[in-house]
Amino acid sequence: MRIALYCPDIAQNAGTILRTGACFGVEVHIIEPAGFPVGDAGFRRAGMDYIDQVTWRRHASFAAFDAERRAEGRRLVLFTTRAAEPLPAFRFQPGDVLLFGRESAGVPEEVHAAADARVRIPVRAGLRSLNVAVSAGIALAEALRQTGGFPPG
């Protein structure tokens, strides 16, 4: 299981997701460009004290990221408010990559189209969406629950 962030805007959200990855032993991939300087020093300044406990990678573009994940045979699961499939009905696989869009704009149409599956986290009518870090935590917890991927302890 992996988490991928498409061009994140907010360093604190990325830091929270990196911490989640550290706690659950899940790699985090950051697809650039980001709205902040990406690197260990920047994450440390943002209060990310778990940076040494997480495996994370940068990708210069979505094309580079997508080529690598396809070569590895990993399914791309996009979390989007535009999806028809609700999270409780979706069935995860152990090698899935959970992709989250940028806070300000989600993902462009070509990224949406490249996803193997599109999933939404249901929220109450009239409310737009959850914070991306909260969404990543909810999605990852369900994916790990389904696939038996929670760390021992």
Foldseek 3Di string as FASTA:
>chain_A
DAEEEEQAEDLLLVLLLQVVCLQQVHEYEYEDDHNDDDDDVVSVVSVNPCNVRHHYYYHPHVVRVLVVCVVVVEAEEEEDPPFPAELVPDAADPRHYYYFYYPPPTDDPVVVVSHPYYYYHDDDPPDDHDDRSVVSNVNVVSNCVRHVRGDDD
